[in-house]
């Protein structure tokens, strides 16, 4: 079912998330599959929908920086300095996960990718759904990310509990993914935030990008 974004759609989305369902929604980049990151059954449903190997991590978006405390362990000064520079923004940061974060979310890596979107509408939507949502791209693993609600429907038909139509995706690129979990920062994926921009940030903070 597709519903235009608005109060009614957000109330329904929040109810579905609370019951362990899966929705699709527009993130700050493409459309994503949203579920409660602490609901293991919902996470397994996402794997089934995407036809995705269960050993691949699922990233999370948050509505407010305070929700980091539920996910990230041993926040480094570098982590805090990078988010001060680039959040809200299309930068997913990988860091050490708290012990209570499900293995389905981390794929057993002990790390988790999290992002605070720079789109205020997206943050408000996530806030309406409890402040935290998974946001893996709304597509099967072999297909391009969905850019609108109809593309999501073409991929999944009625296998998703709700598709929230918030218009066309506002980005041509995915989020950049920066791994800060190790001894040296590592760029996993270059996207909206360029390698050069991240390198400059890290050099100013006395660190080097791999």
C-alpha atoms as a PDB file:
ATOM      1  CA  UNK A   1       0.000   0.000   0.000  1.00  0.00           C
ATOM      2  CA  UNK A   2       1.223   3.479  -0.890  1.00  0.00           C
ATOM      3  CA  UNK A   3       0.263   6.494   1.236  1.00  0.00           C
ATOM      4  CA  UNK A   4       1.259  10.088   0.610  1.00  0.00           C
ATOM      5  CA  UNK A   5       3.498  11.399   3.390  1.00  0.00           C
ATOM      6  CA  UNK A   6       1.588  13.301   6.046  1.00  0.00           C
ATOM      7  CA  UNK A   7       0.230  12.925   9.558  1.00  0.00           C
ATOM      8  CA  UNK A   8      -1.923   9.878   8.755  1.00  0.00           C
ATOM      9  CA  UNK A   9       0.894   8.088   6.933  1.00  0.00           C
ATOM     10  CA  UNK A  10       3.323   8.790   9.751  1.00  0.00           C
ATOM     11  CA  UNK A  11       0.913   7.503  12.394  1.00  0.00           C
ATOM     12  CA  UNK A  12       0.378   4.335  10.394  1.00  0.00           C
ATOM     13  CA  UNK A  13       4.123   3.940   9.803  1.00  0.00           C
ATOM     14  CA  UNK A  14       4.829   4.321  13.522  1.00  0.00           C
ATOM     15  CA  UNK A  15       2.199   1.681  14.343  1.00  0.00           C
ATOM     16  CA  UNK A  16       3.653  -0.742  11.804  1.00  0.00           C
ATOM     17  CA  UNK A  17       7.194  -0.243  13.117  1.00  0.00           C
ATOM     18  CA  UNK A  18       5.994  -0.804  16.683  1.00  0.00           C
ATOM     19  CA  UNK A  19       4.360  -4.092  15.618  1.00  0.00           C
ATOM     20  CA  UNK A  20       7.553  -5.317  13.960  1.00  0.00           C
ATOM     21  CA  UNK A  21       6.649  -4.507  10.376  1.00  0.00           C
ATOM     22  CA  UNK A  22       8.692  -3.036   7.532  1.00  0.00           C
ATOM     23  CA  UNK A  23       7.979   0.179   5.653  1.00  0.00           C
ATOM     24  CA  UNK A  24       9.625   2.032   2.785  1.00  0.00           C
ATOM     25  CA  UNK A  25      10.314   5.760   3.092  1.00  0.00           C
ATOM     26  CA  UNK A  26      12.329   8.489   1.413  1.00  0.00           C
ATOM     27  CA  UNK A  27      15.628   9.051   3.172  1.00  0.00           C
ATOM     28  CA  UNK A  28      17.979  11.970   2.562  1.00  0.00           C
ATOM     29  CA  UNK A  29      19.378  10.020  -0.389  1.00  0.00           C
ATOM     30  CA  UNK A  30      17.180   7.263  -1.911  1.00  0.00           C
ATOM     31  CA  UNK A  31      14.193   5.312  -0.602  1.00  0.00           C
ATOM     32  CA  UNK A  32      15.007   2.963   2.255  1.00  0.00           C
ATOM     33  CA  UNK A  33      13.484   0.028   4.108  1.00  0.00           C
ATOM     34  CA  UNK A  34      12.563   1.073   7.610  1.00  0.00           C
ATOM     35  CA  UNK A  35      12.159  -1.180  10.637  1.00  0.00           C
ATOM     36  CA  UNK A  36      12.885  -1.155  14.356  1.00  0.00           C
ATOM     37  CA  UNK A  37      16.662  -1.725  14.543  1.00  0.00           C
ATOM     38  CA  UNK A  38      16.205  -3.766  17.734  1.00  0.00           C
ATOM     39  CA  UNK A  39      13.528  -6.095  16.350  1.00  0.00           C
ATOM     40  CA  UNK A  40      15.334  -9.195  15.107  1.00  0.00           C
ATOM     41  CA  UNK A  41      12.313 -10.584  13.244  1.00  0.00           C
ATOM     42  CA  UNK A  42      11.883  -7.310  11.356  1.00  0.00           C
ATOM     43  CA  UNK A  43      15.573  -7.323  10.437  1.00  0.00           C
ATOM     44  CA  UNK A  44      15.285 -10.862   9.104  1.00  0.00           C
ATOM     45  CA  UNK A  45      12.301  -9.749   7.016  1.00  0.00           C
ATOM     46  CA  UNK A  46      14.477  -7.055   5.436  1.00  0.00           C
ATOM     47  CA  UNK A  47      17.021  -9.709   4.437  1.00  0.00           C
ATOM     48  CA  UNK A  48      14.226 -11.755   2.879  1.00  0.00           C
ATOM     49  CA  UNK A  49      12.864  -8.757   0.982  1.00  0.00           C
ATOM     50  CA  UNK A  50      16.228  -7.827  -0.449  1.00  0.00           C
ATOM     51  CA  UNK A  51      17.346 -11.362  -1.143  1.00  0.00           C
ATOM     52  CA  UNK A  52      20.395 -10.294   0.759  1.00  0.00           C
ATOM     53  CA  UNK A  53      23.010 -12.430   2.436  1.00  0.00           C
ATOM     54  CA  UNK A  54      22.522 -12.299   6.192  1.00  0.00           C
ATOM     55  CA  UNK A  55      26.127 -11.345   6.774  1.00  0.00           C
ATOM     56  CA  UNK A  56      25.830  -7.827   5.374  1.00  0.00           C
ATOM     57  CA  UNK A  57      25.266  -4.993   7.891  1.00  0.00           C
ATOM     58  CA  UNK A  58      22.186  -2.752   7.867  1.00  0.00           C
ATOM     59  CA  UNK A  59      22.673   0.970   8.455  1.00  0.00           C
ATOM     60  CA  UNK A  60      20.536   3.093  10.757  1.00  0.00           C
ATOM     61  CA  UNK A  61      19.258   6.662  10.566  1.00  0.00           C
ATOM     62  CA  UNK A  62      18.443   8.700  13.675  1.00  0.00           C
ATOM     63  CA  UNK A  63      16.313  11.785  14.202  1.00  0.00           C
ATOM     64  CA  UNK A  64      18.549  13.337  16.858  1.00  0.00           C
ATOM     65  CA  UNK A  65      22.149  12.940  17.946  1.00  0.00           C
ATOM     66  CA  UNK A  66      21.037  11.792  21.411  1.00  0.00           C
ATOM     67  CA  UNK A  67      19.997   8.411  19.939  1.00  0.00           C
ATOM     68  CA  UNK A  68      23.641   7.578  19.289  1.00  0.00           C
ATOM     69  CA  UNK A  69      23.847   6.416  22.899  1.00  0.00           C
ATOM     70  CA  UNK A  70      21.658   3.409  22.044  1.00  0.00           C
ATOM     71  CA  UNK A  71      24.027   2.191  19.346  1.00  0.00           C
ATOM     72  CA  UNK A  72      27.612   3.389  19.628  1.00  0.00           C
ATOM     73  CA  UNK A  73      30.144   2.202  22.199  1.00  0.00           C
ATOM     74  CA  UNK A  74      33.401   3.930  23.085  1.00  0.00           C
ATOM     75  CA  UNK A  75      32.849   7.106  21.088  1.00  0.00           C
ATOM     76  CA  UNK A  76      36.208   8.577  20.217  1.00  0.00           C
ATOM     77  CA  UNK A  77      37.077  12.264  20.117  1.00  0.00           C
ATOM     78  CA  UNK A  78      37.600  11.843  16.371  1.00  0.00           C
ATOM     79  CA  UNK A  79      34.055  10.501  15.987  1.00  0.00           C
ATOM     80  CA  UNK A  80      32.642  13.525  17.808  1.00  0.00           C
ATOM     81  CA  UNK A  81      34.770  15.955  15.795  1.00  0.00           C
ATOM     82  CA  UNK A  82      33.728  14.406  12.477  1.00  0.00           C
ATOM     83  CA  UNK A  83      30.009  14.497  13.263  1.00  0.00           C
ATOM     84  CA  UNK A  84      30.338  18.089  14.435  1.00  0.00           C
ATOM     85  CA  UNK A  85      31.683  18.925  10.979  1.00  0.00           C
ATOM     86  CA  UNK A  86      29.468  16.727   8.777  1.00  0.00           C
ATOM     87  CA  UNK A  87      26.181  16.107  10.619  1.00  0.00           C
ATOM     88  CA  UNK A  88      23.407  16.551   9.845  1.00  0.00           C
ATOM     89  CA  UNK A  89      24.540  15.261   6.473  1.00  0.00           C
ATOM     90  CA  UNK A  90      24.770  12.403   4.013  1.00  0.00           C
ATOM     91  CA  UNK A  91      27.664  10.766   5.837  1.00  0.00           C
ATOM     92  CA  UNK A  92      27.155   7.341   7.376  1.00  0.00           C
ATOM     93  CA  UNK A  93      29.750   6.685  10.063  1.00  0.00           C
ATOM     94  CA  UNK A  94      30.733   3.170  11.087  1.00  0.00           C
ATOM     95  CA  UNK A  95      31.784   2.753  14.706  1.00  0.00           C
ATOM     96  CA  UNK A  96      31.898   0.107  17.442  1.00  0.00           C
ATOM     97  CA  UNK A  97      28.413  -1.077  18.376  1.00  0.00           C
ATOM     98  CA  UNK A  98      27.084  -1.565  21.887  1.00  0.00           C
ATOM     99  CA  UNK A  99      26.739  -5.161  23.016  1.00  0.00           C
ATOM    100  CA  UNK A 100      22.928  -4.997  22.965  1.00  0.00           C
ATOM    101  CA  UNK A 101      22.785  -4.076  19.257  1.00  0.00           C
ATOM    102  CA  UNK A 102      21.449  -7.161  17.384  1.00  0.00           C
ATOM    103  CA  UNK A 103      23.884  -9.255  15.361  1.00  0.00           C
ATOM    104  CA  UNK A 104      21.418  -9.054  12.475  1.00  0.00           C
ATOM    105  CA  UNK A 105      22.122  -5.308  12.344  1.00  0.00           C
ATOM    106  CA  UNK A 106      25.911  -5.563  12.566  1.00  0.00           C
ATOM    107  CA  UNK A 107      26.258  -8.844  10.627  1.00  0.00           C
ATOM    108  CA  UNK A 108      28.499 -10.028  13.444  1.00  0.00           C
ATOM    109  CA  UNK A 109      31.120  -7.340  12.757  1.00  0.00           C
ATOM    110  CA  UNK A 110      30.709  -5.604  16.102  1.00  0.00           C
ATOM    111  CA  UNK A 111      30.325  -2.325  14.201  1.00  0.00           C
ATOM    112  CA  UNK A 112      27.369  -0.288  12.988  1.00  0.00           C
ATOM    113  CA  UNK A 113      26.795   2.427  10.376  1.00  0.00           C
ATOM    114  CA  UNK A 114      24.647   5.344  11.543  1.00  0.00           C
ATOM    115  CA  UNK A 115      23.610   8.669   9.995  1.00  0.00           C
ATOM    116  CA  UNK A 116      21.828  11.868  11.047  1.00  0.00           C
ATOM    117  CA  UNK A 117      20.164  13.063   7.801  1.00  0.00           C
ATOM    118  CA  UNK A 118      20.418  16.684   6.734  1.00  0.00           C
ATOM    119  CA  UNK A 119      16.826  16.660   5.444  1.00  0.00           C
ATOM    120  CA  UNK A 120      14.544  18.036   8.176  1.00  0.00           C
ATOM    121  CA  UNK A 121      11.498  16.249   6.706  1.00  0.00           C
ATOM    122  CA  UNK A 122      13.317  12.929   6.955  1.00  0.00           C
ATOM    123  CA  UNK A 123      14.375  13.632  10.537  1.00  0.00           C
ATOM    124  CA  UNK A 124      10.764  14.475  11.436  1.00  0.00           C
ATOM    125  CA  UNK A 125       9.555  11.272   9.818  1.00  0.00           C
ATOM    126  CA  UNK A 126      12.104   9.179  11.730  1.00  0.00           C
ATOM    127  CA  UNK A 127      11.190  11.017  14.930  1.00  0.00           C
ATOM    128  CA  UNK A 128       7.525  10.145  14.385  1.00  0.00           C
ATOM    129  CA  UNK A 129       8.558   6.475  14.137  1.00  0.00           C
ATOM    130  CA  UNK A 130      10.434   6.495  17.431  1.00  0.00           C
ATOM    131  CA  UNK A 131      13.621   8.321  16.478  1.00  0.00           C
ATOM    132  CA  UNK A 132      15.508   5.361  14.976  1.00  0.00           C
ATOM    133  CA  UNK A 133      14.977   3.367  11.780  1.00  0.00           C
ATOM    134  CA  UNK A 134      16.902   1.053   9.547  1.00  0.00           C
ATOM    135  CA  UNK A 135      17.504   2.671   6.164  1.00  0.00           C
ATOM    136  CA  UNK A 136      19.035   0.088   3.870  1.00  0.00           C
ATOM    137  CA  UNK A 137      18.182   0.904   0.253  1.00  0.00           C
ATOM    138  CA  UNK A 138      14.727  -0.146  -0.956  1.00  0.00           C
ATOM    139  CA  UNK A 139      15.715  -2.551  -3.693  1.00  0.00           C
ATOM    140  CA  UNK A 140      16.609  -6.159  -4.201  1.00  0.00           C
ATOM    141  CA  UNK A 141      20.354  -6.671  -3.953  1.00  0.00           C
ATOM    142  CA  UNK A 142      20.873  -6.827  -7.736  1.00  0.00           C
ATOM    143  CA  UNK A 143      18.852  -3.707  -8.623  1.00  0.00           C
ATOM    144  CA  UNK A 144      19.437   0.077  -8.406  1.00  0.00           C
ATOM    145  CA  UNK A 145      18.100   1.909  -5.334  1.00  0.00           C
ATOM    146  CA  UNK A 146      14.481   3.047  -5.692  1.00  0.00           C
ATOM    147  CA  UNK A 147      14.076   6.778  -6.314  1.00  0.00           C
ATOM    148  CA  UNK A 148      10.308   7.007  -5.764  1.00  0.00           C
ATOM    149  CA  UNK A 149       7.373   5.116  -4.281  1.00  0.00           C
ATOM    150  CA  UNK A 150       6.355   3.489  -7.562  1.00  0.00           C
ATOM    151  CA  UNK A 151       9.836   2.041  -8.032  1.00  0.00           C
ATOM    152  CA  UNK A 152       9.638   0.594  -4.515  1.00  0.00           C
ATOM    153  CA  UNK A 153       6.281  -0.957  -5.376  1.00  0.00           C
ATOM    154  CA  UNK A 154       7.705  -2.430  -8.587  1.00  0.00           C
ATOM    155  CA  UNK A 155      10.433  -4.158  -6.560  1.00  0.00           C
ATOM    156  CA  UNK A 156       8.348  -5.471  -3.673  1.00  0.00           C
ATOM    157  CA  UNK A 157       4.667  -5.253  -4.664  1.00  0.00           C
ATOM    158  CA  UNK A 158       2.622  -5.988  -1.518  1.00  0.00           C
ATOM    159  CA  UNK A 159       5.426  -7.590   0.502  1.00  0.00           C
ATOM    160  CA  UNK A 160       6.053  -4.311   2.367  1.00  0.00           C
ATOM    161  CA  UNK A 161       3.526  -3.227   4.981  1.00  0.00           C
ATOM    162  CA  UNK A 162       3.522   0.422   3.842  1.00  0.00           C
ATOM    163  CA  UNK A 163       5.262   2.607   1.257  1.00  0.00           C
ATOM    164  CA  UNK A 164       5.303   6.270   2.289  1.00  0.00           C
ATOM    165  CA  UNK A 165       5.354   8.485  -0.788  1.00  0.00           C
ATOM    166  CA  UNK A 166       7.382  11.625  -0.084  1.00  0.00           C
ATOM    167  CA  UNK A 167       8.130  12.405  -3.708  1.00  0.00           C
ATOM    168  CA  UNK A 168      11.230  11.871  -5.767  1.00  0.00           C
ATOM    169  CA  UNK A 169      14.604  11.169  -4.173  1.00  0.00           C
ATOM    170  CA  UNK A 170      16.581  14.370  -3.687  1.00  0.00           C
ATOM    171  CA  UNK A 171      20.021  12.931  -4.319  1.00  0.00           C
ATOM    172  CA  UNK A 172      21.792  11.366  -7.276  1.00  0.00           C
ATOM    173  CA  UNK A 173      24.279   9.603  -5.001  1.00  0.00           C
ATOM    174  CA  UNK A 174      24.152   7.435  -1.877  1.00  0.00           C
ATOM    175  CA  UNK A 175      25.564   8.562   1.430  1.00  0.00           C
ATOM    176  CA  UNK A 176      29.297   8.335   1.887  1.00  0.00           C
ATOM    177  CA  UNK A 177      30.368   5.685   4.395  1.00  0.00           C
ATOM    178  CA  UNK A 178      33.319   6.406   6.663  1.00  0.00           C
ATOM    179  CA  UNK A 179      34.639   3.711   8.991  1.00  0.00           C
ATOM    180  CA  UNK A 180      35.994   5.116  12.259  1.00  0.00           C
ATOM    181  CA  UNK A 181      35.994   1.807  14.117  1.00  0.00           C
ATOM    182  CA  UNK A 182      39.660   0.969  13.513  1.00  0.00           C
ATOM    183  CA  UNK A 183      43.024   2.566  14.132  1.00  0.00           C
ATOM    184  CA  UNK A 184      42.786   4.677  10.979  1.00  0.00           C
ATOM    185  CA  UNK A 185      39.747   6.185   9.231  1.00  0.00           C
ATOM    186  CA  UNK A 186      38.742   4.233   6.129  1.00  0.00           C
ATOM    187  CA  UNK A 187      36.406   5.325   3.350  1.00  0.00           C
ATOM    188  CA  UNK A 188      34.119   2.396   2.538  1.00  0.00           C
ATOM    189  CA  UNK A 189      31.988   4.227  -0.029  1.00  0.00           C
ATOM    190  CA  UNK A 190      32.341   7.609  -1.679  1.00  0.00           C
ATOM    191  CA  UNK A 191      28.968   9.278  -2.182  1.00  0.00           C
ATOM    192  CA  UNK A 192      27.493  12.698  -1.515  1.00  0.00           C
ATOM    193  CA  UNK A 193      30.454  13.727   0.659  1.00  0.00           C
ATOM    194  CA  UNK A 194      33.565  13.475  -1.493  1.00  0.00           C
ATOM    195  CA  UNK A 195      36.781  11.716  -0.613  1.00  0.00           C
ATOM    196  CA  UNK A 196      38.604  15.043  -0.919  1.00  0.00           C
ATOM    197  CA  UNK A 197      36.256  16.740   1.555  1.00  0.00           C
ATOM    198  CA  UNK A 198      36.645  13.938   4.073  1.00  0.00           C
ATOM    199  CA  UNK A 199      40.404  13.852   3.631  1.00  0.00           C
ATOM    200  CA  UNK A 200      40.578  17.595   4.336  1.00  0.00           C
ATOM    201  CA  UNK A 201      38.415  17.221   7.437  1.00  0.00           C
ATOM    202  CA  UNK A 202      40.522  14.402   8.820  1.00  0.00           C
ATOM    203  CA  UNK A 203      43.823  16.127   8.062  1.00  0.00           C
ATOM    204  CA  UNK A 204      42.595  19.181   9.950  1.00  0.00           C
ATOM    205  CA  UNK A 205      41.865  16.860  12.873  1.00  0.00           C
ATOM    206  CA  UNK A 206      45.343  15.321  12.724  1.00  0.00           C
ATOM    207  CA  UNK A 207      44.295  12.053  11.072  1.00  0.00           C
ATOM    208  CA  UNK A 208      44.747  10.429   7.658  1.00  0.00           C
ATOM    209  CA  UNK A 209      42.206   8.779   5.390  1.00  0.00           C
ATOM    210  CA  UNK A 210      42.790   5.301   4.013  1.00  0.00           C
END
